[in-house]
Amino acid sequence: MLYHPVQIGNLKLNGNLFLAPVAGYSDRAFRSICTECGADFAYTEMVSAEALVRGNLKTEMLMRRAPNEKSYAVQIFGGTPKTMADAARIVLEKTTCECIDINGGCPVPKIIKSGAGSCLTKDPEKLHSIVKAVNDAVQNSNRPVPVTVKVRSGWDSENITWKETAQAALDAGAAAITLHGRTRAQGYEGKADWNILRELVEFVGGRIPVFGSGDAFSPEDAKRMLETTNCDAVMFARGAMGNPFIFTRTKEFLLTGNLTDLPISEKIKAGFRELELLVEDFGEIGACLEARKRFCAYSKGIEGSAALRKTIVAAKSVDDYRKIFSEFL
């Protein structure tokens, strides 16, 4: 069956539809809504190891568990083994997460300048050192959890290094590996190369699970990724923005072949549940500013959505949002 349980080290998950770590988006409010809509596992947005070690309270907020999450992963990034190991210990101390993921794929320049993210695709030995340091720190703690890695296919088209980075992760004790089938140079442009994902699955040969990321925007995409690559799980990122129902619909599609359309009103109601959680975390002013981009995403597909978005980006209170979407509530 395409929809099935997944084992990551000592962590057993009931299904294989995951929410990816999305910077500035996969906070606990959004993860809670995705869990409500059937996500089997979710990752925090990436957390700076340096900031954790310095005791940054804002960074600690990024790691908080959503109220309905049975299990979740905290993703950390950094450029030195010691700092990453220290950060992993802090993650275990400050959270109840079931997994720690290492970011080896972010293409953003400021992350790369710190020696983290996609920079690690150029230096498999450094990736190995970081993964091993984190894994050793976690396994020698009083709460060992699986350590996983997310990488890209390479630095650019002339430097495709997925095989070397995968071997480095395996040798260092990673419990799973996620591949985004684009290079650092591509960013989020062009197409994700699922052929590389299939080759990675074959290379790993079942030693650890392999998860696929990149261009999963619909249930049909998820089915095609699973069928053509034999990866163990699908990670939704941009495909889940404003559309947490992609988990519900994908599970239905994989199990029955059917696709049930959801009314716009259900999407807007999900947006308001997310807004309530944002208010709990950031207060009304901060939550309403953050919710602008999220309601813009939720409003896609509504007739006259372009004009609607002009009012959304001016919303400053929960009442403003209620007035904007009154016909759907």
Protein backbone atom coordinates (compact mmCIF):
# COMPACT_ATOMS: atom_id res chain seq x y z
CA MET A 1 0.00 0.00 0.00
CA LEU A 2 1.20 3.50 -0.78
CA TYR A 3 -0.11 4.80 2.55
CA HIS A 4 1.63 2.92 5.35
CA PRO A 5 3.39 3.23 8.73
CA VAL A 6 6.99 4.45 8.94
CA GLN A 7 9.70 3.50 11.43
CA ILE A 8 12.39 6.12 12.20
CA GLY A 9 14.80 4.55 14.64
CA ASN A 10 12.74 3.87 17.75
CA LEU A 11 9.90 6.11 16.55
CA LYS A 12 6.92 4.46 14.87
CA LEU A 13 4.52 6.67 12.88
CA ASN A 14 1.09 5.54 11.74
CA GLY A 15 1.40 7.00 8.26
CA ASN A 16 3.76 8.53 5.71
CA LEU A 17 2.38 12.00 4.96
CA PHE A 18 4.57 14.66 6.60
CA LEU A 19 4.64 18.43 6.95
CA ALA A 20 8.11 19.69 6.00
CA PRO A 21 10.07 22.24 8.03
CA VAL A 22 9.03 25.54 6.42
CA ALA A 23 10.83 28.69 7.57
CA GLY A 24 8.41 31.31 8.82
CA TYR A 25 5.43 29.00 8.43
CA SER A 26 5.53 25.66 10.24
CA ASP A 27 5.08 27.08 13.73
CA ARG A 28 2.99 25.20 16.24
CA ALA A 29 -0.24 26.91 15.13
CA PHE A 30 0.10 25.70 11.55
CA ARG A 31 1.41 22.30 12.61
CA SER A 32 -1.65 21.92 14.85
CA ILE A 33 -4.01 22.56 11.93
CA CYS A 34 -2.07 20.16 9.69
CA THR A 35 -2.21 17.50 12.42
CA GLU A 36 -5.96 18.08 12.71
CA CYS A 37 -6.17 17.56 8.95
CA GLY A 38 -4.28 14.27 9.03
CA ALA A 39 -0.55 15.00 8.89
CA ASP A 40 1.22 11.96 10.32
CA PHE A 41 4.34 13.87 11.37
CA ALA A 42 5.53 17.48 11.29
CA TYR A 43 8.78 19.38 11.63
CA THR A 44 9.35 22.76 13.25
CA GLU A 45 10.73 25.54 11.14
CA MET A 46 14.52 25.50 11.27
CA VAL A 47 16.02 26.57 14.59
CA SER A 48 19.44 28.22 14.89
CA ALA A 49 21.88 26.16 16.96
CA GLU A 50 23.88 29.32 17.72
CA ALA A 51 20.77 31.09 19.01
CA LEU A 52 19.84 28.11 21.17
CA VAL A 53 23.27 27.97 22.74
CA ARG A 54 23.08 31.72 23.46
CA GLY A 55 19.76 31.20 25.22
CA ASN A 56 17.58 33.13 22.79
CA LEU A 57 14.02 32.87 24.15
CA LYS A 58 12.43 33.63 20.78
CA THR A 59 14.24 30.64 19.33
CA GLU A 60 12.94 28.43 22.11
CA MET A 61 9.38 29.44 21.18
CA LEU A 62 9.87 27.95 17.71
CA MET A 63 10.31 24.50 19.26
CA ARG A 64 7.10 24.29 21.29
CA ARG A 65 4.85 21.32 20.70
CA ALA A 66 1.43 21.85 19.15
CA PRO A 67 -1.38 20.82 21.54
CA ASN A 68 -2.58 17.93 19.38
CA GLU A 69 0.76 16.56 18.14
CA LYS A 70 1.37 12.95 19.13
CA SER A 71 4.93 13.29 17.85
CA TYR A 72 7.00 15.94 16.10
CA ALA A 73 10.55 16.80 15.09
CA VAL A 74 12.68 19.85 15.84
CA GLN A 75 14.94 20.86 12.97
CA ILE A 76 18.22 22.61 13.83
CA PHE A 77 20.87 24.23 11.65
CA GLY A 78 24.45 25.21 12.29
CA GLY A 79 27.95 25.04 10.90
CA THR A 80 30.04 23.49 13.69
CA PRO A 81 29.75 20.04 15.26
CA LYS A 82 30.17 21.23 18.87
CA THR A 83 27.52 23.93 18.62
CA MET A 84 25.11 21.55 16.94
CA ALA A 85 25.72 18.91 19.63
CA ASP A 86 25.17 21.48 22.39
CA ALA A 87 22.01 22.67 20.66
CA ALA A 88 20.71 19.11 20.41
CA ARG A 89 21.13 18.69 24.17
CA ILE A 90 19.16 21.90 24.70
CA VAL A 91 16.41 20.66 22.39
CA LEU A 92 16.07 17.53 24.51
CA GLU A 93 16.05 19.60 27.69
CA LYS A 94 13.55 22.22 26.51
CA THR A 95 11.14 20.06 24.48
CA THR A 96 9.45 16.69 24.40
CA CYS A 97 10.14 16.17 20.68
CA GLU A 98 10.48 12.63 19.33
CA CYS A 99 13.10 13.42 16.67
CA ILE A 100 15.87 15.91 15.86
CA ASP A 101 16.41 16.79 12.20
CA ILE A 102 19.53 18.44 10.77
CA ASN A 103 19.09 21.01 8.03
CA GLY A 104 21.50 20.26 5.21
CA GLY A 105 19.43 21.82 2.45
CA CYS A 106 18.44 25.45 3.06
CA PRO A 107 19.66 27.55 0.08
CA VAL A 108 19.24 30.99 1.75
CA PRO A 109 22.52 32.97 1.58
CA LYS A 110 22.64 33.97 5.26
CA ILE A 111 22.29 30.30 6.28
CA ILE A 112 24.99 29.24 3.85
CA LYS A 113 27.34 31.98 5.11
CA SER A 114 27.12 30.42 8.56
CA GLY A 115 28.42 27.14 7.11
CA ALA A 116 25.04 25.45 7.44
CA GLY A 117 22.17 24.42 5.16
CA SER A 118 23.10 23.65 1.56
CA CYS A 119 26.70 24.52 2.33
CA LEU A 120 26.98 21.01 3.75
CA THR A 121 26.30 19.49 0.31
CA LYS A 122 29.73 20.78 -0.71
CA ASP A 123 31.45 19.18 2.27
CA PRO A 124 30.22 15.65 3.05
CA GLU A 125 32.99 15.22 5.64
CA LYS A 126 31.68 18.23 7.57
CA LEU A 127 28.14 16.89 7.28
CA HIS A 128 29.38 13.59 8.69
CA SER A 129 31.06 15.38 11.61
CA ILE A 130 27.92 17.35 12.42
CA VAL A 131 25.57 14.39 12.19
CA LYS A 132 27.88 12.22 14.27
CA ALA A 133 28.32 14.92 16.93
CA VAL A 134 24.56 15.43 17.21
CA ASN A 135 23.82 11.71 17.16
CA ASP A 136 26.45 10.98 19.82
CA ALA A 137 25.09 13.76 22.04
CA VAL A 138 21.53 12.53 21.69
CA GLN A 139 22.20 8.81 22.07
CA ASN A 140 24.29 9.47 25.18
CA SER A 141 21.51 11.51 26.77
CA ASN A 142 18.79 10.25 29.09
CA ARG A 143 16.26 10.61 26.27
CA PRO A 144 17.73 9.23 23.03
CA VAL A 145 15.67 10.08 19.96
CA PRO A 146 16.38 9.43 16.28
CA VAL A 147 18.51 11.99 14.44
CA THR A 148 17.61 12.58 10.79
CA VAL A 149 18.97 14.74 7.97
CA LYS A 150 17.44 16.76 5.15
CA VAL A 151 19.64 17.51 2.12
CA ARG A 152 19.49 18.69 -1.47
CA SER A 153 20.74 16.95 -4.58
CA GLY A 154 23.87 19.07 -4.69
CA TRP A 155 25.37 22.53 -4.80
CA ASP A 156 24.73 23.15 -8.51
CA SER A 157 24.42 21.18 -11.75
CA GLU A 158 28.19 20.65 -11.83
CA ASN A 159 28.30 19.40 -8.25
CA ILE A 160 25.63 16.74 -7.69
CA THR A 161 26.67 15.24 -4.37
CA TRP A 162 23.58 13.46 -3.02
CA LYS A 163 25.37 10.10 -2.97
CA GLU A 164 28.31 11.40 -0.96
CA THR A 165 26.09 13.26 1.51
CA ALA A 166 23.83 10.23 1.90
CA GLN A 167 26.82 8.00 2.64
CA ALA A 168 28.12 10.54 5.14
CA ALA A 169 24.74 10.62 6.89
CA LEU A 170 24.54 6.82 6.96
CA ASP A 171 28.06 6.45 8.35
CA ALA A 172 27.32 9.03 11.04
CA GLY A 173 24.24 7.19 12.29
CA ALA A 174 21.35 9.10 10.75
CA ALA A 175 18.03 7.31 11.26
CA ALA A 176 16.43 8.71 8.07
CA ILE A 177 17.26 11.02 5.21
CA THR A 178 15.05 13.46 3.30
CA LEU A 179 15.99 14.59 -0.19
CA HIS A 180 14.75 17.76 -1.85
CA GLY A 181 15.48 17.07 -5.50
CA ARG A 182 16.83 20.50 -6.36
CA THR A 183 20.34 21.93 -6.09
CA ARG A 184 21.28 24.91 -3.96
CA ALA A 185 21.65 26.96 -7.14
CA GLN A 186 18.07 26.20 -8.19
CA GLY A 187 16.59 27.45 -4.94
CA TYR A 188 12.89 26.79 -5.49
CA GLU A 189 12.96 27.32 -9.25
CA GLY A 190 12.68 24.70 -11.95
CA LYS A 191 11.61 21.15 -11.27
CA ALA A 192 12.60 18.83 -8.46
CA ASP A 193 14.42 15.80 -9.87
CA TRP A 194 12.53 12.76 -8.63
CA ASN A 195 14.89 10.48 -10.57
CA ILE A 196 17.59 11.38 -8.06
CA LEU A 197 15.17 10.57 -5.25
CA ARG A 198 14.56 7.14 -6.80
CA GLU A 199 18.32 6.61 -7.13
CA LEU A 200 18.81 7.58 -3.49
CA VAL A 201 16.20 5.02 -2.41
CA GLU A 202 18.07 2.37 -4.39
CA PHE A 203 21.43 3.50 -2.98
CA VAL A 204 20.23 3.40 0.63
CA GLY A 205 18.72 -0.01 -0.01
CA GLY A 206 16.35 -0.04 2.94
CA ARG A 207 19.02 0.60 5.57
CA ILE A 208 17.11 3.67 6.73
CA PRO A 209 13.90 5.32 5.47
CA VAL A 210 14.11 7.88 2.65
CA PHE A 211 11.61 10.73 2.44
CA GLY A 212 10.81 12.79 -0.63
CA SER A 213 10.47 16.57 -0.79
CA GLY A 214 9.93 19.00 -3.64
CA ASP A 215 6.97 19.61 -5.99
CA ALA A 216 4.37 17.76 -3.92
CA PHE A 217 1.44 20.11 -4.49
CA SER A 218 -1.49 17.70 -4.74
CA PRO A 219 -2.64 14.19 -3.81
CA GLU A 220 -1.85 13.13 -7.36
CA ASP A 221 1.71 14.43 -6.97
CA ALA A 222 2.15 12.48 -3.74
CA LYS A 223 0.90 9.28 -5.34
CA ARG A 224 3.21 9.74 -8.31
CA MET A 225 6.20 10.43 -6.06
CA LEU A 226 5.58 7.29 -4.00
CA GLU A 227 5.00 5.13 -7.08
CA THR A 228 7.92 6.35 -9.18
CA THR A 229 10.59 6.67 -6.49
CA ASN A 230 9.59 4.06 -3.86
CA CYS A 231 10.40 6.62 -1.14
CA ASP A 232 9.00 5.86 2.29
CA ALA A 233 7.15 9.13 2.89
CA VAL A 234 6.15 12.39 1.21
CA MET A 235 6.89 15.80 2.70
CA PHE A 236 4.50 18.61 1.83
CA ALA A 237 5.88 22.14 2.10
CA ARG A 238 4.48 24.88 -0.16
CA GLY A 239 1.69 22.48 -1.13
CA ALA A 240 0.31 22.67 2.42
CA MET A 241 0.32 26.46 2.72
CA GLY A 242 -3.29 27.56 2.95
CA ASN A 243 -4.17 23.97 2.20
CA PRO A 244 -3.70 21.75 5.27
CA PHE A 245 -6.47 19.59 3.82
CA ILE A 246 -3.89 18.20 1.42
CA PHE A 247 -3.17 15.60 4.12
CA THR A 248 -6.82 14.56 4.45
CA ARG A 249 -7.31 14.40 0.70
CA THR A 250 -4.03 12.62 -0.03
CA LYS A 251 -4.74 9.91 2.51
CA GLU A 252 -8.20 9.42 1.02
CA PHE A 253 -6.75 9.31 -2.50
CA LEU A 254 -4.02 6.81 -1.62
CA LEU A 255 -6.46 4.51 0.19
CA THR A 256 -9.55 4.74 -2.03
CA GLY A 257 -8.63 6.49 -5.26
CA ASN A 258 -11.28 9.11 -4.52
CA LEU A 259 -10.87 12.85 -4.07
CA THR A 260 -13.47 14.79 -2.09
CA ASP A 261 -13.64 18.52 -2.75
CA LEU A 262 -13.90 20.78 0.27
CA PRO A 263 -16.02 23.93 0.36
CA ILE A 264 -14.22 27.25 0.66
CA SER A 265 -15.97 27.81 3.99
CA GLU A 266 -14.08 24.84 5.51
CA LYS A 267 -10.77 26.35 4.43
CA ILE A 268 -11.63 29.71 5.97
CA LYS A 269 -12.74 28.06 9.22
CA ALA A 270 -9.37 26.29 9.37
CA GLY A 271 -7.73 29.68 8.91
CA PHE A 272 -9.60 31.04 11.92
CA ARG A 273 -8.63 28.06 14.07
CA GLU A 274 -5.04 28.77 13.12
CA LEU A 275 -5.53 32.45 13.95
CA GLU A 276 -6.81 31.54 17.43
CA LEU A 277 -3.63 29.55 18.09
CA LEU A 278 -1.46 32.38 16.77
CA VAL A 279 -3.18 34.79 19.17
CA GLU A 280 -2.35 32.46 22.06
CA ASP A 281 1.33 32.54 21.12
CA PHE A 282 1.89 36.10 19.89
CA GLY A 283 -1.04 38.21 21.11
CA GLU A 284 -3.66 39.68 18.81
CA ILE A 285 -1.50 42.30 17.09
CA GLY A 286 1.38 39.97 16.27
CA ALA A 287 -0.96 37.14 15.31
CA CYS A 288 -2.99 39.29 12.94
CA LEU A 289 0.12 40.55 11.18
CA GLU A 290 1.37 36.96 10.77
CA ALA A 291 -2.06 35.78 9.63
CA ARG A 292 -2.09 38.10 6.62
CA LYS A 293 0.07 35.81 4.49
CA ARG A 294 -1.82 32.78 5.76
CA PHE A 295 -5.29 34.09 4.93
CA CYS A 296 -3.98 35.16 1.52
CA ALA A 297 -3.10 31.50 1.02
CA TYR A 298 -6.40 30.22 2.41
CA SER A 299 -8.33 32.58 0.10
CA LYS A 300 -6.95 31.09 -3.11
CA GLY A 301 -9.80 29.81 -5.23
CA ILE A 302 -12.34 32.31 -3.93
CA GLU A 303 -13.98 34.37 -6.65
CA GLY A 304 -12.48 37.85 -6.57
CA SER A 305 -9.58 36.68 -4.43
CA ALA A 306 -7.21 39.35 -5.81
CA ALA A 307 -9.42 42.12 -4.44
CA LEU A 308 -9.96 40.15 -1.25
CA ARG A 309 -6.23 39.91 -0.62
CA LYS A 310 -5.96 43.71 -0.71
CA THR A 311 -8.22 43.85 2.34
CA ILE A 312 -6.45 40.93 4.02
CA VAL A 313 -3.05 42.63 3.97
CA ALA A 314 -4.56 45.60 5.82
CA ALA A 315 -6.19 43.53 8.59
CA LYS A 316 -5.04 44.45 12.09
CA SER A 317 -7.47 42.63 14.39
CA VAL A 318 -9.46 39.43 14.67
CA ASP A 319 -12.61 41.48 14.06
CA ASP A 320 -11.11 42.77 10.81
CA TYR A 321 -10.72 39.18 9.62
CA ARG A 322 -14.24 38.31 10.72
CA LYS A 323 -15.63 41.18 8.68
CA ILE A 324 -13.57 40.23 5.64
CA PHE A 325 -14.74 36.60 5.73
CA SER A 326 -18.20 37.11 7.28
CA GLU A 327 -20.01 35.34 4.44
CA PHE A 328 -18.01 32.16 5.07
CA LEU A 329 -18.40 31.97 8.87
